[in-house]
Amino acid sequence: MKTIHPAIKAISALEWSGEPLVSDAPVRFDCHLEIGEAGERGVDYFNVAVVNRAWAQSNLDAVPDTAPAWLPPRAILLLDAPSFEGLTGCIAGEIAAIGPCPTWPDFAQRLWPYLRWDLEGVLYPPFK
């Protein structure tokens, strides 16, 4: 069986350019990631929320002393100065730690605490 070697292809956010943002005001951006097989064209879509410390302190019961940190309930990343660069580094680190996977659903399940897969709950394959 062929294994997949996922890689980040693109990151975007509707309300944010991805430039580093330092703010004392609560900041939260929903980011959309395209992750695909290294060297291939196709992608699967994942989502994550990126927040700053002020947002975490306003919205969560417990906030870690250090960032970056993954926050509950899931798919929330605390960055003191949110940026696409910081997000990319965190996600790439998780992908590297997971290593190659046999299928996209297996990859999505392993990344479940960190990212929301657009196809969660869809029968795979053949997507009936």
N, C-alpha and C. Protein backbone atom coordinates (compact mmCIF):
# COMPACT_ATOMS: atom_id res chain seq x y z
N MET A 1 0.84 -1.19 0.00
CA MET A 1 0.00 0.00 0.00
C MET A 1 0.88 1.25 0.00
N LYS A 2 0.53 2.19 -0.83
CA LYS A 2 1.27 3.45 -0.92
C LYS A 2 0.95 4.33 0.30
N THR A 3 1.97 4.93 0.87
CA THR A 3 1.74 5.87 1.97
C THR A 3 1.77 7.29 1.42
N ILE A 4 1.10 8.19 2.13
CA ILE A 4 1.10 9.59 1.74
C ILE A 4 2.11 10.34 2.60
N HIS A 5 2.70 11.36 2.01
CA HIS A 5 3.67 12.21 2.70
C HIS A 5 3.12 13.64 2.65
N PRO A 6 2.25 14.00 3.61
CA PRO A 6 1.58 15.30 3.57
C PRO A 6 2.55 16.47 3.72
N ALA A 7 2.19 17.56 3.05
CA ALA A 7 2.96 18.81 3.13
C ALA A 7 1.99 19.98 3.02
N ILE A 8 2.30 21.08 3.66
CA ILE A 8 1.47 22.29 3.58
C ILE A 8 1.67 22.90 2.20
N LYS A 9 0.57 23.14 1.49
CA LYS A 9 0.62 23.76 0.17
C LYS A 9 0.28 25.24 0.23
N ALA A 10 -0.67 25.62 1.10
CA ALA A 10 -1.09 27.03 1.19
C ALA A 10 -1.81 27.26 2.51
N ILE A 11 -1.73 28.51 2.98
CA ILE A 11 -2.47 28.94 4.16
C ILE A 11 -3.13 30.27 3.82
N SER A 12 -4.40 30.42 4.23
CA SER A 12 -5.09 31.68 3.99
C SER A 12 -6.04 31.97 5.15
N ALA A 13 -6.46 33.23 5.24
CA ALA A 13 -7.45 33.67 6.22
C ALA A 13 -8.22 34.82 5.59
N LEU A 14 -9.53 34.80 5.74
CA LEU A 14 -10.35 35.84 5.11
C LEU A 14 -10.07 37.23 5.66
N GLU A 15 -9.85 37.35 6.94
CA GLU A 15 -9.74 38.67 7.57
C GLU A 15 -8.33 39.03 8.00
N TRP A 16 -7.33 38.36 7.43
CA TRP A 16 -5.96 38.57 7.90
C TRP A 16 -4.99 38.22 6.80
N SER A 17 -3.98 39.05 6.60
CA SER A 17 -2.99 38.83 5.54
C SER A 17 -1.92 37.82 5.95
N GLY A 18 -1.86 37.50 7.25
CA GLY A 18 -0.85 36.57 7.73
C GLY A 18 0.41 37.23 8.24
N GLU A 19 0.46 38.57 8.12
CA GLU A 19 1.61 39.31 8.65
C GLU A 19 1.63 39.20 10.18
N PRO A 20 2.81 39.18 10.81
CA PRO A 20 2.87 39.11 12.27
C PRO A 20 2.05 40.23 12.92
N LEU A 21 1.30 39.86 13.94
CA LEU A 21 0.41 40.80 14.59
C LEU A 21 0.66 40.79 16.09
N VAL A 22 1.08 41.91 16.62
CA VAL A 22 1.27 42.05 18.06
C VAL A 22 0.18 42.99 18.54
N SER A 23 -0.64 42.53 19.49
CA SER A 23 -1.76 43.33 19.96
C SER A 23 -2.10 42.97 21.40
N ASP A 24 -2.47 43.99 22.18
CA ASP A 24 -2.98 43.75 23.53
C ASP A 24 -4.47 43.46 23.50
N ALA A 25 -5.11 43.69 22.37
CA ALA A 25 -6.53 43.39 22.21
C ALA A 25 -6.69 41.92 21.82
N PRO A 26 -7.81 41.29 22.19
CA PRO A 26 -8.02 39.90 21.78
C PRO A 26 -8.05 39.75 20.26
N VAL A 27 -7.31 38.78 19.75
CA VAL A 27 -7.21 38.54 18.32
C VAL A 27 -7.48 37.06 18.07
N ARG A 28 -8.36 36.78 17.09
CA ARG A 28 -8.63 35.40 16.67
C ARG A 28 -8.87 35.40 15.17
N PHE A 29 -8.15 34.54 14.47
CA PHE A 29 -8.31 34.40 13.02
C PHE A 29 -8.57 32.94 12.69
N ASP A 30 -9.56 32.69 11.85
CA ASP A 30 -9.81 31.35 11.34
C ASP A 30 -8.98 31.18 10.08
N CYS A 31 -8.11 30.19 10.08
CA CYS A 31 -7.21 29.96 8.95
C CYS A 31 -7.59 28.68 8.22
N HIS A 32 -7.39 28.72 6.93
CA HIS A 32 -7.70 27.60 6.04
C HIS A 32 -6.38 27.09 5.48
N LEU A 33 -6.14 25.80 5.64
CA LEU A 33 -4.90 25.20 5.14
C LEU A 33 -5.19 24.22 4.02
N GLU A 34 -4.34 24.24 3.03
CA GLU A 34 -4.37 23.24 1.97
C GLU A 34 -3.15 22.35 2.19
N ILE A 35 -3.42 21.07 2.45
CA ILE A 35 -2.34 20.12 2.71
C ILE A 35 -2.48 19.00 1.69
N GLY A 36 -1.38 18.69 1.04
CA GLY A 36 -1.41 17.66 0.01
C GLY A 36 -0.19 16.78 0.05
N GLU A 37 -0.21 15.80 -0.80
CA GLU A 37 0.92 14.89 -0.95
C GLU A 37 2.11 15.69 -1.48
N ALA A 38 3.25 15.53 -0.84
CA ALA A 38 4.46 16.21 -1.31
C ALA A 38 4.72 15.83 -2.77
N GLY A 39 4.90 16.82 -3.62
CA GLY A 39 5.20 16.59 -5.02
C GLY A 39 3.98 16.34 -5.89
N GLU A 40 2.79 16.33 -5.32
CA GLU A 40 1.55 16.10 -6.07
C GLU A 40 0.71 17.37 -6.08
N ARG A 41 -0.29 17.43 -6.98
CA ARG A 41 -1.11 18.64 -7.12
C ARG A 41 -2.31 18.67 -6.18
N GLY A 42 -2.95 17.54 -5.91
CA GLY A 42 -4.18 17.52 -5.12
C GLY A 42 -3.96 17.95 -3.69
N VAL A 43 -5.03 18.46 -3.07
CA VAL A 43 -4.96 18.89 -1.67
C VAL A 43 -6.22 18.46 -0.93
N ASP A 44 -6.10 18.39 0.38
CA ASP A 44 -7.24 18.27 1.28
C ASP A 44 -7.25 19.55 2.10
N TYR A 45 -8.43 19.90 2.62
CA TYR A 45 -8.60 21.18 3.29
C TYR A 45 -8.80 20.99 4.78
N PHE A 46 -8.10 21.84 5.54
CA PHE A 46 -8.14 21.79 7.00
C PHE A 46 -8.32 23.21 7.53
N ASN A 47 -8.82 23.32 8.77
CA ASN A 47 -9.04 24.62 9.39
C ASN A 47 -8.47 24.63 10.80
N VAL A 48 -8.05 25.81 11.23
CA VAL A 48 -7.52 26.01 12.57
C VAL A 48 -7.78 27.47 12.94
N ALA A 49 -7.96 27.72 14.23
CA ALA A 49 -8.08 29.09 14.73
C ALA A 49 -6.74 29.49 15.35
N VAL A 50 -6.27 30.67 15.00
CA VAL A 50 -5.04 31.21 15.58
C VAL A 50 -5.44 32.37 16.48
N VAL A 51 -4.97 32.33 17.73
CA VAL A 51 -5.34 33.34 18.71
C VAL A 51 -4.10 33.91 19.39
N ASN A 52 -4.28 35.10 19.98
CA ASN A 52 -3.20 35.66 20.79
C ASN A 52 -3.53 35.43 22.27
N ARG A 53 -2.60 35.79 23.12
CA ARG A 53 -2.76 35.57 24.57
C ARG A 53 -3.97 36.32 25.13
N ALA A 54 -4.22 37.54 24.67
CA ALA A 54 -5.37 38.31 25.18
C ALA A 54 -6.68 37.58 24.86
N TRP A 55 -6.80 37.00 23.67
CA TRP A 55 -8.02 36.26 23.32
C TRP A 55 -8.16 35.03 24.22
N ALA A 56 -7.06 34.29 24.38
CA ALA A 56 -7.09 33.08 25.21
C ALA A 56 -7.48 33.41 26.64
N GLN A 57 -6.93 34.47 27.20
CA GLN A 57 -7.26 34.85 28.57
C GLN A 57 -8.71 35.30 28.72
N SER A 58 -9.28 35.87 27.66
CA SER A 58 -10.67 36.32 27.70
C SER A 58 -11.67 35.19 27.47
N ASN A 59 -11.25 34.10 26.83
CA ASN A 59 -12.19 33.08 26.39
C ASN A 59 -11.97 31.68 26.94
N LEU A 60 -10.86 31.44 27.60
CA LEU A 60 -10.56 30.10 28.09
C LEU A 60 -10.27 30.12 29.58
N ASP A 61 -10.50 28.98 30.23
CA ASP A 61 -10.27 28.90 31.68
C ASP A 61 -8.80 28.90 32.04
N ALA A 62 -8.00 28.19 31.28
CA ALA A 62 -6.57 28.08 31.59
C ALA A 62 -5.75 28.41 30.35
N VAL A 63 -4.70 29.19 30.55
CA VAL A 63 -3.85 29.60 29.44
C VAL A 63 -2.40 29.25 29.78
N PRO A 64 -1.71 28.53 28.91
CA PRO A 64 -0.31 28.18 29.19
C PRO A 64 0.57 29.42 29.31
N ASP A 65 1.64 29.28 30.06
CA ASP A 65 2.58 30.39 30.23
C ASP A 65 3.40 30.66 28.98
N THR A 66 3.58 29.67 28.14
CA THR A 66 4.42 29.83 26.96
C THR A 66 3.62 29.60 25.69
N ALA A 67 4.06 30.21 24.64
CA ALA A 67 3.48 30.01 23.31
C ALA A 67 4.63 29.64 22.39
N PRO A 68 4.44 28.91 21.32
CA PRO A 68 3.13 28.44 20.84
C PRO A 68 2.60 27.31 21.72
N ALA A 69 1.27 27.18 21.72
CA ALA A 69 0.61 26.12 22.47
C ALA A 69 -0.72 25.80 21.81
N TRP A 70 -1.06 24.52 21.79
CA TRP A 70 -2.37 24.09 21.29
C TRP A 70 -3.34 24.14 22.45
N LEU A 71 -4.50 24.76 22.22
CA LEU A 71 -5.47 24.98 23.29
C LEU A 71 -6.72 24.14 23.09
N PRO A 72 -7.39 23.79 24.20
CA PRO A 72 -8.66 23.09 24.07
C PRO A 72 -9.77 24.06 23.66
N PRO A 73 -10.87 23.62 23.07
CA PRO A 73 -11.20 22.21 22.96
C PRO A 73 -10.42 21.50 21.87
N ARG A 74 -10.13 22.14 20.74
CA ARG A 74 -9.23 21.61 19.72
C ARG A 74 -9.10 22.61 18.60
N ALA A 75 -8.06 22.43 17.79
CA ALA A 75 -7.83 23.25 16.60
C ALA A 75 -7.75 24.73 16.91
N ILE A 76 -7.13 25.07 18.06
CA ILE A 76 -6.86 26.46 18.43
C ILE A 76 -5.38 26.55 18.77
N LEU A 77 -4.68 27.45 18.12
CA LEU A 77 -3.25 27.62 18.34
C LEU A 77 -2.98 29.00 18.92
N LEU A 78 -2.32 29.02 20.08
CA LEU A 78 -1.91 30.26 20.72
C LEU A 78 -0.53 30.66 20.22
N LEU A 79 -0.46 31.87 19.63
CA LEU A 79 0.81 32.47 19.23
C LEU A 79 0.85 33.87 19.81
N ASP A 80 1.94 34.25 20.47
CA ASP A 80 2.01 35.59 21.06
C ASP A 80 1.99 36.68 20.00
N ALA A 81 2.57 36.42 18.85
CA ALA A 81 2.52 37.34 17.71
C ALA A 81 2.05 36.52 16.51
N PRO A 82 0.73 36.31 16.37
CA PRO A 82 0.23 35.44 15.30
C PRO A 82 0.79 35.83 13.93
N SER A 83 1.16 34.80 13.16
CA SER A 83 1.66 34.99 11.81
C SER A 83 1.51 33.68 11.05
N PHE A 84 1.44 33.77 9.72
CA PHE A 84 1.42 32.55 8.92
C PHE A 84 2.72 31.78 9.10
N GLU A 85 3.82 32.49 9.28
CA GLU A 85 5.11 31.83 9.49
C GLU A 85 5.08 30.98 10.76
N GLY A 86 4.56 31.55 11.84
CA GLY A 86 4.45 30.80 13.09
C GLY A 86 3.51 29.62 12.97
N LEU A 87 2.38 29.83 12.31
CA LEU A 87 1.42 28.76 12.08
C LEU A 87 2.05 27.65 11.24
N THR A 88 2.73 28.02 10.18
CA THR A 88 3.38 27.03 9.31
C THR A 88 4.38 26.20 10.10
N GLY A 89 5.18 26.83 10.93
CA GLY A 89 6.16 26.11 11.73
C GLY A 89 5.52 25.10 12.66
N CYS A 90 4.43 25.48 13.30
CA CYS A 90 3.75 24.57 14.23
C CYS A 90 3.12 23.39 13.51
N ILE A 91 2.41 23.66 12.41
CA ILE A 91 1.76 22.59 11.66
C ILE A 91 2.80 21.67 11.03
N ALA A 92 3.84 22.25 10.44
CA ALA A 92 4.89 21.43 9.82
C ALA A 92 5.54 20.52 10.86
N GLY A 93 5.71 21.03 12.07
CA GLY A 93 6.27 20.20 13.15
C GLY A 93 5.38 19.03 13.50
N GLU A 94 4.07 19.27 13.55
CA GLU A 94 3.13 18.18 13.85
C GLU A 94 3.12 17.16 12.71
N ILE A 95 3.13 17.63 11.47
CA ILE A 95 3.14 16.73 10.32
C ILE A 95 4.41 15.87 10.34
N ALA A 96 5.54 16.48 10.64
CA ALA A 96 6.80 15.73 10.68
C ALA A 96 6.78 14.69 11.80
N ALA A 97 6.20 15.03 12.94
CA ALA A 97 6.14 14.09 14.06
C ALA A 97 5.25 12.90 13.74
N ILE A 98 4.20 13.13 12.96
CA ILE A 98 3.29 12.06 12.58
C ILE A 98 3.94 11.14 11.56
N GLY A 99 4.67 11.72 10.62
CA GLY A 99 5.31 10.93 9.57
C GLY A 99 4.33 10.52 8.49
N PRO A 100 4.77 9.68 7.55
CA PRO A 100 3.90 9.23 6.47
C PRO A 100 2.68 8.49 7.03
N CYS A 101 1.56 8.55 6.31
CA CYS A 101 0.32 7.91 6.73
C CYS A 101 -0.22 7.05 5.58
N PRO A 102 -0.97 6.00 5.92
CA PRO A 102 -1.50 5.16 4.86
C PRO A 102 -2.63 5.81 4.06
N THR A 103 -3.44 6.65 4.69
CA THR A 103 -4.58 7.28 4.00
C THR A 103 -4.79 8.69 4.53
N TRP A 104 -5.56 9.50 3.78
CA TRP A 104 -5.91 10.83 4.27
C TRP A 104 -6.75 10.78 5.53
N PRO A 105 -7.73 9.86 5.64
CA PRO A 105 -8.47 9.79 6.91
C PRO A 105 -7.57 9.46 8.10
N ASP A 106 -6.57 8.61 7.90
CA ASP A 106 -5.63 8.30 8.97
C ASP A 106 -4.83 9.54 9.35
N PHE A 107 -4.36 10.27 8.35
CA PHE A 107 -3.64 11.52 8.60
C PHE A 107 -4.53 12.51 9.36
N ALA A 108 -5.78 12.67 8.90
CA ALA A 108 -6.71 13.60 9.55
C ALA A 108 -6.99 13.19 10.99
N GLN A 109 -7.11 11.89 11.24
CA GLN A 109 -7.36 11.41 12.59
C GLN A 109 -6.16 11.72 13.50
N ARG A 110 -4.97 11.53 12.99
CA ARG A 110 -3.76 11.82 13.78
C ARG A 110 -3.63 13.32 14.07
N LEU A 111 -4.08 14.15 13.15
CA LEU A 111 -4.01 15.61 13.35
C LEU A 111 -5.28 16.17 14.00
N TRP A 112 -6.21 15.32 14.40
CA TRP A 112 -7.50 15.73 14.93
C TRP A 112 -7.39 16.80 16.04
N PRO A 113 -6.48 16.68 17.00
CA PRO A 113 -6.41 17.72 18.04
C PRO A 113 -5.98 19.09 17.52
N TYR A 114 -5.29 19.10 16.38
CA TYR A 114 -4.67 20.33 15.89
C TYR A 114 -5.43 21.00 14.76
N LEU A 115 -6.05 20.21 13.88
CA LEU A 115 -6.74 20.75 12.71
C LEU A 115 -8.10 20.11 12.53
N ARG A 116 -9.02 20.86 11.94
CA ARG A 116 -10.33 20.30 11.56
C ARG A 116 -10.29 20.01 10.06
N TRP A 117 -10.52 18.76 9.71
CA TRP A 117 -10.54 18.32 8.32
C TRP A 117 -11.90 18.65 7.73
N ASP A 118 -11.95 19.23 6.54
CA ASP A 118 -13.22 19.56 5.90
C ASP A 118 -14.08 18.33 5.63
N LEU A 119 -13.48 17.16 5.57
CA LEU A 119 -14.24 15.95 5.26
C LEU A 119 -14.54 15.11 6.51
N GLU A 120 -14.41 15.69 7.71
CA GLU A 120 -14.74 14.94 8.92
C GLU A 120 -16.17 14.43 8.82
N GLY A 121 -16.35 13.16 9.15
CA GLY A 121 -17.68 12.57 9.14
C GLY A 121 -18.16 12.06 7.80
N VAL A 122 -17.41 12.31 6.73
CA VAL A 122 -17.78 11.84 5.40
C VAL A 122 -17.20 10.44 5.21
N LEU A 123 -18.02 9.51 4.70
CA LEU A 123 -17.51 8.18 4.44
C LEU A 123 -16.40 8.26 3.40
N TYR A 124 -15.32 7.51 3.61
CA TYR A 124 -14.15 7.61 2.75
C TYR A 124 -13.62 6.24 2.41
N PRO A 125 -13.16 5.98 1.24
CA PRO A 125 -13.85 6.32 0.01
C PRO A 125 -15.09 5.45 -0.12
N PRO A 126 -15.97 5.62 -0.97
CA PRO A 126 -15.97 6.51 -2.13
C PRO A 126 -16.82 7.75 -1.93
N PHE A 127 -16.92 8.29 -0.73
CA PHE A 127 -17.69 9.51 -0.48
C PHE A 127 -19.16 9.36 -0.89
N LYS A 128 -19.80 8.31 -0.39
CA LYS A 128 -21.22 8.07 -0.70
C LYS A 128 -22.11 8.86 0.23
